[in-house]
N, C-alpha and C. Protein backbone atom coordinates (compact mmCIF):
# COMPACT_ATOMS: atom_id res chain seq x y z
N MET A 1 -20.82 -21.83 9.30
CA MET A 1 -19.54 -22.40 9.74
C MET A 1 -18.81 -21.41 10.64
N LYS A 2 -17.91 -21.93 11.45
CA LYS A 2 -17.18 -21.08 12.39
C LYS A 2 -15.85 -20.65 11.77
N ILE A 3 -15.62 -19.34 11.70
CA ILE A 3 -14.35 -18.82 11.25
C ILE A 3 -13.85 -17.80 12.27
N SER A 4 -12.59 -17.41 12.15
CA SER A 4 -12.01 -16.47 13.10
C SER A 4 -12.68 -15.10 13.00
N ASP A 5 -12.56 -14.32 14.06
CA ASP A 5 -13.11 -12.97 14.04
C ASP A 5 -12.45 -12.11 12.97
N ARG A 6 -11.16 -12.38 12.71
CA ARG A 6 -10.45 -11.61 11.67
C ARG A 6 -11.06 -11.88 10.30
N LEU A 7 -11.26 -13.16 9.98
CA LEU A 7 -11.85 -13.48 8.68
C LEU A 7 -13.28 -12.99 8.58
N LYS A 8 -13.98 -13.00 9.71
CA LYS A 8 -15.35 -12.47 9.71
C LYS A 8 -15.35 -10.98 9.39
N ALA A 9 -14.37 -10.26 9.96
CA ALA A 9 -14.25 -8.83 9.68
C ALA A 9 -13.91 -8.59 8.22
N VAL A 10 -12.99 -9.39 7.67
CA VAL A 10 -12.66 -9.30 6.24
C VAL A 10 -13.91 -9.50 5.40
N ALA A 11 -14.66 -10.56 5.70
CA ALA A 11 -15.87 -10.88 4.94
C ALA A 11 -16.90 -9.76 5.02
N SER A 12 -17.01 -9.12 6.20
CA SER A 12 -18.02 -8.07 6.38
C SER A 12 -17.73 -6.84 5.53
N PHE A 13 -16.46 -6.63 5.17
CA PHE A 13 -16.08 -5.46 4.37
C PHE A 13 -16.30 -5.67 2.87
N ILE A 14 -16.35 -6.90 2.42
CA ILE A 14 -16.47 -7.19 0.99
C ILE A 14 -17.86 -6.80 0.50
N LYS A 15 -17.91 -6.14 -0.63
CA LYS A 15 -19.18 -5.62 -1.16
C LYS A 15 -20.05 -6.74 -1.74
N GLU A 16 -21.35 -6.48 -1.77
CA GLU A 16 -22.30 -7.40 -2.38
C GLU A 16 -21.96 -7.62 -3.85
N ASN A 17 -22.08 -8.85 -4.30
CA ASN A 17 -21.88 -9.24 -5.70
C ASN A 17 -20.47 -8.97 -6.21
N ALA A 18 -19.52 -8.94 -5.31
CA ALA A 18 -18.13 -8.72 -5.71
C ALA A 18 -17.57 -9.95 -6.41
N ASN A 19 -16.57 -9.71 -7.25
CA ASN A 19 -15.78 -10.77 -7.88
C ASN A 19 -14.40 -10.74 -7.22
N VAL A 20 -14.17 -11.69 -6.33
CA VAL A 20 -13.06 -11.62 -5.38
C VAL A 20 -11.89 -12.49 -5.80
N ALA A 21 -10.68 -11.99 -5.56
CA ALA A 21 -9.47 -12.80 -5.62
C ALA A 21 -8.88 -12.82 -4.22
N ASP A 22 -8.79 -14.00 -3.62
CA ASP A 22 -8.26 -14.16 -2.26
C ASP A 22 -6.83 -14.68 -2.37
N VAL A 23 -5.86 -13.81 -2.10
CA VAL A 23 -4.45 -14.16 -2.24
C VAL A 23 -3.95 -14.80 -0.96
N GLY A 24 -3.38 -15.99 -1.09
CA GLY A 24 -2.97 -16.73 0.10
C GLY A 24 -4.20 -17.29 0.80
N ALA A 25 -5.00 -18.04 0.05
CA ALA A 25 -6.31 -18.48 0.54
C ALA A 25 -6.24 -19.53 1.65
N ASP A 26 -5.05 -20.08 1.88
CA ASP A 26 -4.84 -21.03 2.96
C ASP A 26 -5.78 -22.23 2.80
N HIS A 27 -6.64 -22.50 3.77
CA HIS A 27 -7.51 -23.68 3.71
C HIS A 27 -8.86 -23.39 3.06
N GLY A 28 -9.06 -22.17 2.58
CA GLY A 28 -10.29 -21.83 1.88
C GLY A 28 -11.47 -21.50 2.79
N LEU A 29 -11.20 -21.17 4.04
CA LEU A 29 -12.30 -20.88 4.96
C LEU A 29 -13.09 -19.64 4.57
N LEU A 30 -12.38 -18.61 4.09
CA LEU A 30 -13.07 -17.39 3.66
C LEU A 30 -13.96 -17.69 2.47
N GLU A 31 -13.46 -18.50 1.54
CA GLU A 31 -14.24 -18.86 0.35
C GLU A 31 -15.54 -19.55 0.75
N ILE A 32 -15.44 -20.54 1.63
CA ILE A 32 -16.61 -21.30 2.05
C ILE A 32 -17.61 -20.39 2.76
N TYR A 33 -17.11 -19.53 3.63
CA TYR A 33 -17.98 -18.62 4.37
C TYR A 33 -18.73 -17.67 3.44
N LEU A 34 -18.00 -17.07 2.50
CA LEU A 34 -18.63 -16.11 1.58
C LEU A 34 -19.67 -16.79 0.69
N ILE A 35 -19.36 -17.99 0.23
CA ILE A 35 -20.32 -18.72 -0.61
C ILE A 35 -21.56 -19.08 0.18
N ASN A 36 -21.37 -19.56 1.41
CA ASN A 36 -22.52 -19.92 2.24
C ASN A 36 -23.38 -18.70 2.57
N GLU A 37 -22.74 -17.54 2.68
CA GLU A 37 -23.48 -16.31 2.96
C GLU A 37 -24.24 -15.81 1.73
N GLY A 38 -23.85 -16.28 0.55
CA GLY A 38 -24.50 -15.85 -0.68
C GLY A 38 -24.26 -14.40 -1.02
N LYS A 39 -23.13 -13.87 -0.58
CA LYS A 39 -22.87 -12.44 -0.70
C LYS A 39 -22.18 -12.06 -2.00
N ILE A 40 -21.31 -12.93 -2.51
CA ILE A 40 -20.45 -12.56 -3.64
C ILE A 40 -20.92 -13.18 -4.94
N ASN A 41 -20.38 -12.65 -6.03
CA ASN A 41 -20.69 -13.19 -7.35
C ASN A 41 -19.75 -14.34 -7.71
N SER A 42 -18.45 -14.15 -7.43
CA SER A 42 -17.47 -15.20 -7.71
C SER A 42 -16.25 -15.00 -6.83
N ILE A 43 -15.44 -16.07 -6.71
CA ILE A 43 -14.21 -15.95 -5.93
C ILE A 43 -13.12 -16.84 -6.52
N LEU A 44 -11.94 -16.28 -6.58
CA LEU A 44 -10.74 -16.96 -7.05
C LEU A 44 -9.82 -17.17 -5.86
N ALA A 45 -9.50 -18.42 -5.54
CA ALA A 45 -8.63 -18.75 -4.42
C ALA A 45 -7.22 -18.99 -4.94
N ILE A 46 -6.25 -18.24 -4.41
CA ILE A 46 -4.89 -18.27 -4.93
C ILE A 46 -3.91 -18.77 -3.88
N GLU A 47 -3.06 -19.72 -4.26
CA GLU A 47 -1.92 -20.16 -3.45
C GLU A 47 -0.71 -20.28 -4.37
N ASN A 48 0.48 -20.06 -3.83
CA ASN A 48 1.66 -20.07 -4.70
C ASN A 48 2.60 -21.26 -4.47
N LYS A 49 2.18 -22.19 -3.61
CA LYS A 49 2.99 -23.39 -3.39
C LYS A 49 2.12 -24.62 -3.59
N SER A 50 2.69 -25.66 -4.20
CA SER A 50 1.91 -26.83 -4.58
C SER A 50 1.29 -27.57 -3.40
N GLY A 51 2.03 -27.66 -2.26
CA GLY A 51 1.49 -28.35 -1.10
C GLY A 51 0.23 -27.70 -0.56
N PRO A 52 0.29 -26.43 -0.16
CA PRO A 52 -0.91 -25.73 0.31
C PRO A 52 -2.01 -25.68 -0.76
N PHE A 53 -1.60 -25.59 -2.04
CA PHE A 53 -2.60 -25.54 -3.10
C PHE A 53 -3.39 -26.84 -3.17
N SER A 54 -2.73 -27.97 -2.98
CA SER A 54 -3.42 -29.28 -3.00
C SER A 54 -4.43 -29.38 -1.87
N ILE A 55 -4.05 -28.88 -0.68
CA ILE A 55 -4.98 -28.89 0.46
C ILE A 55 -6.16 -27.98 0.17
N LEU A 56 -5.88 -26.79 -0.37
CA LEU A 56 -6.93 -25.84 -0.72
C LEU A 56 -7.90 -26.46 -1.74
N LYS A 57 -7.34 -27.08 -2.76
CA LYS A 57 -8.16 -27.69 -3.81
C LYS A 57 -9.08 -28.77 -3.24
N ASN A 58 -8.55 -29.58 -2.34
CA ASN A 58 -9.34 -30.64 -1.73
C ASN A 58 -10.45 -30.06 -0.86
N ASN A 59 -10.14 -29.02 -0.09
CA ASN A 59 -11.13 -28.42 0.80
C ASN A 59 -12.28 -27.78 0.04
N LEU A 60 -11.99 -27.30 -1.18
CA LEU A 60 -13.00 -26.56 -1.95
C LEU A 60 -13.60 -27.37 -3.09
N LYS A 61 -13.37 -28.68 -3.09
CA LYS A 61 -13.82 -29.51 -4.21
C LYS A 61 -15.34 -29.52 -4.38
N ASP A 62 -16.07 -29.24 -3.31
CA ASP A 62 -17.53 -29.25 -3.39
C ASP A 62 -18.13 -27.85 -3.53
N TYR A 63 -17.27 -26.87 -3.79
CA TYR A 63 -17.73 -25.48 -3.88
C TYR A 63 -17.40 -24.89 -5.24
N ASP A 64 -18.23 -23.93 -5.66
CA ASP A 64 -18.01 -23.27 -6.95
C ASP A 64 -16.98 -22.16 -6.77
N VAL A 65 -15.71 -22.57 -6.74
CA VAL A 65 -14.60 -21.64 -6.54
C VAL A 65 -13.56 -21.87 -7.62
N LYS A 66 -13.08 -20.78 -8.21
CA LYS A 66 -11.96 -20.89 -9.14
C LYS A 66 -10.66 -20.96 -8.36
N LEU A 67 -9.71 -21.74 -8.84
CA LEU A 67 -8.45 -21.94 -8.15
C LEU A 67 -7.29 -21.54 -9.03
N SER A 68 -6.22 -21.02 -8.40
CA SER A 68 -5.05 -20.62 -9.16
C SER A 68 -3.78 -20.91 -8.36
N LEU A 69 -2.88 -21.68 -8.96
CA LEU A 69 -1.55 -21.89 -8.39
C LEU A 69 -0.63 -20.85 -9.03
N SER A 70 -0.46 -19.73 -8.36
CA SER A 70 0.27 -18.61 -8.96
C SER A 70 0.76 -17.67 -7.88
N ASP A 71 1.61 -16.72 -8.27
CA ASP A 71 2.16 -15.75 -7.33
C ASP A 71 1.29 -14.50 -7.26
N GLY A 72 0.84 -14.19 -6.06
CA GLY A 72 0.12 -12.93 -5.84
C GLY A 72 -1.06 -12.74 -6.76
N ILE A 73 -1.10 -11.57 -7.40
CA ILE A 73 -2.20 -11.25 -8.31
C ILE A 73 -1.76 -11.34 -9.77
N SER A 74 -0.67 -12.02 -10.03
CA SER A 74 -0.10 -12.06 -11.39
C SER A 74 -1.03 -12.70 -12.41
N LYS A 75 -1.92 -13.59 -11.97
CA LYS A 75 -2.78 -14.32 -12.92
C LYS A 75 -4.25 -13.93 -12.85
N ILE A 76 -4.59 -12.89 -12.11
CA ILE A 76 -6.00 -12.51 -12.08
C ILE A 76 -6.38 -11.86 -13.40
N ASP A 77 -7.65 -11.98 -13.79
CA ASP A 77 -8.09 -11.37 -15.05
C ASP A 77 -8.95 -10.15 -14.77
N GLU A 78 -9.48 -9.58 -15.86
CA GLU A 78 -10.20 -8.31 -15.73
C GLU A 78 -11.56 -8.44 -15.05
N THR A 79 -12.03 -9.66 -14.81
CA THR A 79 -13.32 -9.82 -14.14
C THR A 79 -13.21 -9.57 -12.63
N VAL A 80 -12.01 -9.71 -12.09
CA VAL A 80 -11.82 -9.51 -10.65
C VAL A 80 -11.91 -8.02 -10.31
N ASP A 81 -12.74 -7.69 -9.32
CA ASP A 81 -12.86 -6.29 -8.90
C ASP A 81 -12.50 -6.07 -7.43
N THR A 82 -12.22 -7.17 -6.71
CA THR A 82 -11.92 -7.09 -5.28
C THR A 82 -10.76 -8.02 -4.95
N ILE A 83 -9.77 -7.49 -4.23
CA ILE A 83 -8.62 -8.29 -3.82
C ILE A 83 -8.60 -8.38 -2.30
N VAL A 84 -8.39 -9.59 -1.80
CA VAL A 84 -8.23 -9.82 -0.36
C VAL A 84 -6.80 -10.31 -0.11
N LEU A 85 -6.11 -9.65 0.82
CA LEU A 85 -4.77 -10.05 1.25
C LEU A 85 -4.80 -10.12 2.77
N ALA A 86 -5.00 -11.31 3.30
CA ALA A 86 -5.21 -11.47 4.74
C ALA A 86 -4.23 -12.46 5.34
N GLY A 87 -3.81 -12.15 6.57
CA GLY A 87 -2.98 -13.08 7.31
C GLY A 87 -1.54 -13.13 6.88
N MET A 88 -1.01 -12.00 6.39
CA MET A 88 0.39 -11.95 5.97
C MET A 88 1.02 -10.62 6.39
N GLY A 89 2.33 -10.53 6.29
CA GLY A 89 3.03 -9.31 6.67
C GLY A 89 2.80 -8.17 5.70
N GLY A 90 2.96 -6.96 6.19
CA GLY A 90 2.71 -5.79 5.38
C GLY A 90 3.67 -5.63 4.21
N ILE A 91 4.94 -5.99 4.40
CA ILE A 91 5.92 -5.88 3.32
C ILE A 91 5.54 -6.80 2.17
N LEU A 92 5.09 -8.01 2.51
CA LEU A 92 4.66 -8.96 1.47
C LEU A 92 3.44 -8.43 0.73
N ILE A 93 2.48 -7.87 1.47
CA ILE A 93 1.29 -7.29 0.83
C ILE A 93 1.70 -6.21 -0.16
N ASN A 94 2.59 -5.32 0.27
CA ASN A 94 3.03 -4.24 -0.61
C ASN A 94 3.76 -4.79 -1.84
N ASN A 95 4.60 -5.79 -1.65
CA ASN A 95 5.34 -6.37 -2.77
C ASN A 95 4.39 -7.01 -3.78
N ILE A 96 3.37 -7.69 -3.30
CA ILE A 96 2.40 -8.34 -4.19
C ILE A 96 1.70 -7.30 -5.07
N LEU A 97 1.29 -6.20 -4.46
CA LEU A 97 0.57 -5.16 -5.21
C LEU A 97 1.50 -4.36 -6.11
N ASN A 98 2.67 -4.01 -5.60
CA ASN A 98 3.60 -3.17 -6.36
C ASN A 98 4.18 -3.89 -7.57
N SER A 99 4.31 -5.21 -7.49
CA SER A 99 4.91 -5.95 -8.60
C SER A 99 3.91 -6.24 -9.71
N ASN A 100 2.63 -5.90 -9.48
CA ASN A 100 1.62 -6.15 -10.51
C ASN A 100 0.63 -4.97 -10.59
N LYS A 101 1.17 -3.76 -10.68
CA LYS A 101 0.33 -2.57 -10.66
C LYS A 101 -0.68 -2.55 -11.81
N ALA A 102 -0.31 -3.13 -12.94
CA ALA A 102 -1.22 -3.13 -14.09
C ALA A 102 -2.49 -3.92 -13.80
N LYS A 103 -2.40 -4.87 -12.88
CA LYS A 103 -3.56 -5.69 -12.54
C LYS A 103 -4.57 -4.94 -11.67
N LEU A 104 -4.21 -3.75 -11.21
CA LEU A 104 -5.10 -2.99 -10.33
C LEU A 104 -6.07 -2.10 -11.08
N THR A 105 -5.97 -2.07 -12.39
CA THR A 105 -6.80 -1.17 -13.20
C THR A 105 -8.29 -1.35 -12.94
N ASN A 106 -8.74 -2.59 -12.88
CA ASN A 106 -10.17 -2.87 -12.72
C ASN A 106 -10.58 -3.14 -11.28
N ILE A 107 -9.65 -2.96 -10.36
CA ILE A 107 -9.93 -3.26 -8.96
C ILE A 107 -10.64 -2.08 -8.29
N LYS A 108 -11.77 -2.37 -7.67
CA LYS A 108 -12.55 -1.36 -6.96
C LYS A 108 -12.27 -1.36 -5.46
N GLN A 109 -11.88 -2.52 -4.93
CA GLN A 109 -11.70 -2.64 -3.48
C GLN A 109 -10.53 -3.57 -3.17
N VAL A 110 -9.75 -3.18 -2.15
CA VAL A 110 -8.70 -4.04 -1.60
C VAL A 110 -8.95 -4.16 -0.10
N VAL A 111 -9.04 -5.39 0.39
CA VAL A 111 -9.26 -5.63 1.82
C VAL A 111 -8.02 -6.34 2.36
N VAL A 112 -7.43 -5.78 3.41
CA VAL A 112 -6.19 -6.35 3.95
C VAL A 112 -6.32 -6.62 5.44
N ASP A 113 -5.58 -7.63 5.86
CA ASP A 113 -5.37 -7.95 7.27
C ASP A 113 -3.87 -8.16 7.41
N ALA A 114 -3.16 -7.05 7.59
CA ALA A 114 -1.69 -7.09 7.66
C ALA A 114 -1.24 -7.29 9.10
N HIS A 115 -0.32 -8.22 9.30
CA HIS A 115 0.11 -8.53 10.66
C HIS A 115 1.32 -7.74 11.12
N ARG A 116 1.94 -7.02 10.20
CA ARG A 116 3.07 -6.16 10.55
C ARG A 116 3.11 -4.99 9.57
N ASP A 117 3.84 -3.93 9.94
CA ASP A 117 4.09 -2.80 9.04
C ASP A 117 2.80 -2.21 8.46
N ILE A 118 1.82 -2.02 9.33
CA ILE A 118 0.50 -1.58 8.87
C ILE A 118 0.56 -0.15 8.32
N LYS A 119 1.37 0.69 8.94
CA LYS A 119 1.52 2.07 8.43
C LYS A 119 2.00 2.05 6.98
N LEU A 120 2.98 1.21 6.68
CA LEU A 120 3.51 1.12 5.31
C LEU A 120 2.44 0.63 4.34
N VAL A 121 1.58 -0.26 4.80
CA VAL A 121 0.50 -0.76 3.95
C VAL A 121 -0.48 0.35 3.63
N ARG A 122 -0.89 1.09 4.65
CA ARG A 122 -1.82 2.21 4.41
C ARG A 122 -1.23 3.20 3.41
N GLU A 123 0.02 3.57 3.64
CA GLU A 123 0.67 4.55 2.76
C GLU A 123 0.77 4.02 1.34
N ASN A 124 1.19 2.79 1.18
CA ASN A 124 1.44 2.24 -0.14
C ASN A 124 0.16 2.07 -0.95
N ILE A 125 -0.87 1.50 -0.33
CA ILE A 125 -2.11 1.26 -1.07
C ILE A 125 -2.77 2.59 -1.45
N CYS A 126 -2.64 3.59 -0.59
CA CYS A 126 -3.16 4.92 -0.96
C CYS A 126 -2.39 5.50 -2.14
N LYS A 127 -1.08 5.28 -2.19
CA LYS A 127 -0.28 5.74 -3.32
C LYS A 127 -0.66 5.03 -4.61
N LEU A 128 -1.19 3.83 -4.49
CA LEU A 128 -1.58 3.05 -5.67
C LEU A 128 -2.95 3.46 -6.22
N GLY A 129 -3.58 4.45 -5.59
CA GLY A 129 -4.84 4.97 -6.12
C GLY A 129 -6.08 4.56 -5.37
N PHE A 130 -5.93 4.28 -4.08
CA PHE A 130 -7.07 3.88 -3.26
C PHE A 130 -7.13 4.76 -2.02
N TYR A 131 -8.29 4.78 -1.37
CA TYR A 131 -8.42 5.49 -0.10
C TYR A 131 -8.99 4.54 0.95
N ILE A 132 -8.78 4.88 2.22
CA ILE A 132 -9.26 4.04 3.31
C ILE A 132 -10.74 4.29 3.51
N GLU A 133 -11.52 3.25 3.28
CA GLU A 133 -12.96 3.36 3.50
C GLU A 133 -13.31 3.17 4.97
N GLN A 134 -12.80 2.09 5.55
CA GLN A 134 -13.10 1.79 6.95
C GLN A 134 -12.07 0.82 7.51
N GLU A 135 -11.97 0.81 8.83
CA GLU A 135 -11.05 -0.10 9.52
C GLU A 135 -11.77 -0.71 10.72
N LYS A 136 -11.28 -1.87 11.12
CA LYS A 136 -11.83 -2.54 12.30
C LYS A 136 -10.69 -3.19 13.06
N ILE A 137 -10.65 -2.99 14.38
CA ILE A 137 -9.68 -3.66 15.22
C ILE A 137 -10.28 -4.98 15.71
N VAL A 138 -9.49 -6.04 15.61
CA VAL A 138 -9.90 -7.35 16.10
C VAL A 138 -8.86 -7.81 17.11
N HIS A 139 -9.33 -8.25 18.27
CA HIS A 139 -8.42 -8.77 19.30
C HIS A 139 -8.56 -10.29 19.31
N GLU A 140 -7.47 -10.97 18.98
CA GLU A 140 -7.53 -12.42 18.83
C GLU A 140 -6.25 -13.05 19.37
N LYS A 141 -6.40 -13.98 20.28
CA LYS A 141 -5.27 -14.69 20.88
C LYS A 141 -4.21 -13.73 21.42
N GLY A 142 -4.69 -12.68 22.09
CA GLY A 142 -3.78 -11.75 22.75
C GLY A 142 -3.15 -10.70 21.86
N THR A 143 -3.55 -10.65 20.59
CA THR A 143 -2.96 -9.69 19.64
C THR A 143 -4.04 -8.84 19.00
N TYR A 144 -3.72 -7.55 18.78
CA TYR A 144 -4.64 -6.66 18.08
C TYR A 144 -4.30 -6.66 16.58
N TYR A 145 -5.33 -6.89 15.77
CA TYR A 145 -5.17 -6.87 14.31
C TYR A 145 -6.04 -5.76 13.73
N PHE A 146 -5.58 -5.18 12.62
CA PHE A 146 -6.35 -4.15 11.92
C PHE A 146 -6.78 -4.68 10.56
N VAL A 147 -8.08 -4.78 10.36
CA VAL A 147 -8.64 -5.16 9.06
C VAL A 147 -9.06 -3.86 8.38
N ILE A 148 -8.59 -3.67 7.14
CA ILE A 148 -8.79 -2.39 6.46
C ILE A 148 -9.39 -2.59 5.08
N SER A 149 -10.36 -1.78 4.74
CA SER A 149 -10.96 -1.77 3.40
C SER A 149 -10.53 -0.50 2.67
N PHE A 150 -9.96 -0.68 1.48
CA PHE A 150 -9.58 0.42 0.60
C PHE A 150 -10.48 0.40 -0.63
N LEU A 151 -10.93 1.58 -1.06
CA LEU A 151 -11.70 1.72 -2.29
C LEU A 151 -10.96 2.59 -3.28
N LYS A 152 -11.24 2.42 -4.57
CA LYS A 152 -10.58 3.20 -5.61
C LYS A 152 -10.92 4.68 -5.44
N GLY A 153 -9.89 5.51 -5.44
CA GLY A 153 -10.08 6.95 -5.27
C GLY A 153 -8.95 7.57 -4.48
N HIS A 154 -9.15 8.82 -4.04
CA HIS A 154 -8.07 9.53 -3.33
C HIS A 154 -8.63 10.36 -2.19
N ARG A 155 -7.92 10.29 -1.04
CA ARG A 155 -8.15 11.18 0.09
C ARG A 155 -6.80 11.45 0.74
N ASP A 156 -6.71 12.57 1.42
CA ASP A 156 -5.48 12.91 2.14
C ASP A 156 -5.61 12.49 3.60
N TYR A 157 -4.50 12.03 4.16
CA TYR A 157 -4.49 11.57 5.55
C TYR A 157 -3.35 12.20 6.32
N SER A 158 -3.54 12.31 7.62
CA SER A 158 -2.48 12.80 8.50
C SER A 158 -1.52 11.66 8.80
N LEU A 159 -0.35 12.01 9.34
CA LEU A 159 0.61 10.99 9.75
C LEU A 159 0.00 10.07 10.79
N SER A 160 -0.77 10.61 11.72
CA SER A 160 -1.42 9.79 12.75
C SER A 160 -2.39 8.78 12.15
N GLU A 161 -3.10 9.18 11.09
CA GLU A 161 -4.04 8.27 10.45
C GLU A 161 -3.31 7.14 9.74
N TYR A 162 -2.16 7.46 9.12
CA TYR A 162 -1.36 6.40 8.51
C TYR A 162 -0.79 5.46 9.58
N GLU A 163 -0.39 6.03 10.70
CA GLU A 163 0.21 5.22 11.77
C GLU A 163 -0.81 4.35 12.49
N TRP A 164 -1.95 4.96 12.87
CA TRP A 164 -2.85 4.28 13.81
C TRP A 164 -4.20 3.94 13.22
N GLY A 165 -4.56 4.54 12.09
CA GLY A 165 -5.82 4.16 11.46
C GLY A 165 -6.74 5.33 11.20
N TYR A 166 -7.63 5.13 10.24
CA TYR A 166 -8.59 6.16 9.82
C TYR A 166 -9.85 6.05 10.68
N LYS A 167 -10.21 7.16 11.35
CA LYS A 167 -11.38 7.21 12.25
C LYS A 167 -11.32 6.08 13.28
N ILE A 168 -10.11 5.70 13.67
CA ILE A 168 -9.93 4.52 14.50
C ILE A 168 -10.40 4.74 15.93
N LYS A 169 -10.51 6.00 16.36
CA LYS A 169 -11.00 6.29 17.72
C LYS A 169 -12.44 5.81 17.92
N GLU A 170 -13.17 5.66 16.81
CA GLU A 170 -14.56 5.21 16.89
C GLU A 170 -14.67 3.72 17.17
N ASP A 171 -13.58 2.99 16.99
CA ASP A 171 -13.62 1.54 17.21
C ASP A 171 -13.71 1.24 18.70
N PRO A 172 -14.59 0.34 19.11
CA PRO A 172 -14.76 0.05 20.55
C PRO A 172 -13.51 -0.54 21.21
N LEU A 173 -12.58 -1.08 20.43
CA LEU A 173 -11.37 -1.66 21.01
C LEU A 173 -10.19 -0.70 21.01
N PHE A 174 -10.40 0.51 20.50
CA PHE A 174 -9.26 1.41 20.33
C PHE A 174 -8.59 1.77 21.65
N GLU A 175 -9.35 2.10 22.67
CA GLU A 175 -8.75 2.52 23.94
C GLU A 175 -7.90 1.40 24.54
N ASP A 176 -8.38 0.18 24.46
CA ASP A 176 -7.59 -0.95 24.97
C ASP A 176 -6.31 -1.11 24.16
N PHE A 177 -6.44 -0.99 22.83
CA PHE A 177 -5.26 -1.08 21.97
C PHE A 177 -4.28 0.04 22.29
N ARG A 178 -4.79 1.27 22.45
CA ARG A 178 -3.91 2.41 22.69
C ARG A 178 -3.10 2.24 23.98
N LYS A 179 -3.76 1.80 25.05
CA LYS A 179 -3.06 1.60 26.32
C LYS A 179 -1.92 0.58 26.17
N GLU A 180 -2.22 -0.52 25.52
CA GLU A 180 -1.20 -1.56 25.33
C GLU A 180 -0.07 -1.07 24.44
N GLU A 181 -0.42 -0.37 23.36
CA GLU A 181 0.59 0.11 22.42
C GLU A 181 1.48 1.19 23.06
N LEU A 182 0.87 2.07 23.84
CA LEU A 182 1.66 3.11 24.52
C LEU A 182 2.66 2.48 25.49
N ASN A 183 2.24 1.45 26.21
CA ASN A 183 3.15 0.76 27.11
C ASN A 183 4.34 0.17 26.35
N LYS A 184 4.06 -0.41 25.19
CA LYS A 184 5.14 -0.98 24.36
C LYS A 184 6.09 0.10 23.86
N LEU A 185 5.51 1.21 23.37
CA LEU A 185 6.33 2.29 22.81
C LEU A 185 7.20 2.94 23.88
N VAL A 186 6.64 3.16 25.05
CA VAL A 186 7.41 3.77 26.15
C VAL A 186 8.53 2.82 26.59
N SER A 187 8.22 1.54 26.69
CA SER A 187 9.23 0.55 27.07
C SER A 187 10.36 0.50 26.04
N ASN A 188 9.98 0.54 24.76
CA ASN A 188 10.99 0.53 23.70
C ASN A 188 11.84 1.79 23.71
N LEU A 189 11.21 2.92 24.03
CA LEU A 189 11.95 4.18 24.11
C LEU A 189 12.99 4.13 25.23
N ILE A 190 12.60 3.59 26.37
CA ILE A 190 13.53 3.48 27.50
C ILE A 190 14.72 2.60 27.11
N LYS A 191 14.45 1.49 26.46
CA LYS A 191 15.53 0.60 26.03
C LYS A 191 16.42 1.28 25.00
N TYR A 192 15.77 2.01 24.07
CA TYR A 192 16.53 2.69 23.02
C TYR A 192 17.45 3.76 23.60
N ARG A 193 16.95 4.51 24.58
CA ARG A 193 17.76 5.58 25.19
C ARG A 193 19.03 5.02 25.83
N SER A 194 18.93 3.81 26.38
CA SER A 194 20.08 3.21 27.06
C SER A 194 21.00 2.45 26.11
N SER A 195 20.60 2.37 24.84
CA SER A 195 21.41 1.65 23.86
C SER A 195 22.58 2.50 23.38
N SER A 196 23.69 1.84 23.11
CA SER A 196 24.87 2.55 22.59
C SER A 196 24.64 3.04 21.16
N LYS A 197 23.62 2.52 20.50
CA LYS A 197 23.33 2.88 19.11
C LYS A 197 22.26 3.97 19.00
N SER A 198 21.77 4.46 20.12
CA SER A 198 20.72 5.47 20.08
C SER A 198 21.27 6.80 19.58
N THR A 199 20.40 7.59 18.95
CA THR A 199 20.76 8.92 18.48
C THR A 199 19.70 9.91 18.93
N SER A 200 20.03 11.17 18.95
CA SER A 200 19.07 12.19 19.36
C SER A 200 17.88 12.23 18.39
N VAL A 201 18.17 12.00 17.10
CA VAL A 201 17.09 11.97 16.09
C VAL A 201 16.17 10.80 16.35
N GLY A 202 16.74 9.63 16.63
CA GLY A 202 15.94 8.44 16.90
C GLY A 202 15.08 8.60 18.14
N ILE A 203 15.65 9.21 19.17
CA ILE A 203 14.89 9.45 20.39
C ILE A 203 13.72 10.40 20.12
N LYS A 204 13.99 11.47 19.38
CA LYS A 204 12.95 12.45 19.06
C LYS A 204 11.82 11.82 18.25
N GLN A 205 12.18 10.99 17.27
CA GLN A 205 11.16 10.34 16.44
C GLN A 205 10.25 9.46 17.29
N ARG A 206 10.83 8.72 18.21
CA ARG A 206 10.04 7.84 19.07
C ARG A 206 9.17 8.64 20.02
N GLU A 207 9.69 9.73 20.55
CA GLU A 207 8.91 10.57 21.44
C GLU A 207 7.73 11.20 20.70
N GLU A 208 7.96 11.62 19.48
CA GLU A 208 6.89 12.24 18.69
C GLU A 208 5.80 11.22 18.34
N GLN A 209 6.22 9.99 18.06
CA GLN A 209 5.25 8.94 17.76
C GLN A 209 4.36 8.67 18.98
N ILE A 210 4.97 8.61 20.14
CA ILE A 210 4.20 8.42 21.38
C ILE A 210 3.23 9.59 21.58
N GLY A 211 3.70 10.80 21.31
CA GLY A 211 2.87 11.98 21.46
C GLY A 211 1.65 11.94 20.54
N ARG A 212 1.85 11.49 19.32
CA ARG A 212 0.73 11.42 18.37
C ARG A 212 -0.33 10.42 18.84
N LEU A 213 0.12 9.30 19.39
CA LEU A 213 -0.84 8.30 19.86
C LEU A 213 -1.56 8.79 21.12
N GLU A 214 -0.85 9.50 21.99
CA GLU A 214 -1.46 10.04 23.20
C GLU A 214 -2.56 11.06 22.87
N LYS A 215 -2.38 11.81 21.80
CA LYS A 215 -3.31 12.88 21.43
C LYS A 215 -4.59 12.36 20.77
N LEU A 216 -4.57 11.14 20.26
CA LEU A 216 -5.75 10.61 19.58
C LEU A 216 -6.92 10.43 20.55
């Protein structure tokens, strides 16, 4: 079946024979793809609103998928060892994980596709007891997305790695992403400097961020 490049990247990071909980499963495309690939042991599709849940349930009626109408990871059990959080903002991802830290005890892997606040996601999930295994940049509909796999354990990272990604220079799309991002940051800096609300500290922080990206 045809799925987006982002979901394909998410699927490629999931380990063989994993027991997956997909939070915000939407139409169940990831579930169908993983089952057809024969890669996983089980998958739990989670939605927190009755309307989307009904659509999800109908789409997956012919597949061996467990379903849950619940918030985040609040209802996952100890059999789940992999969590997927794809297609949502970084603050929401962090809130889902932080509000149910006890549920992370048996989790070996977290795979995320955060659409905003990616630095905060990297920092937070690492604080929760995971390290960045690998990242992949996906360019889709004019936007760069970062798909990230975290595994249980600990590693130390630089500020640049939290901001822009772990070993991200090795990604074939990094140079294109860097050029576009630098243009955005420089443009924002120019606007900020001319703002009545700008401060010397704010200007310095933005300049340093640009410098870190230029050095990668």
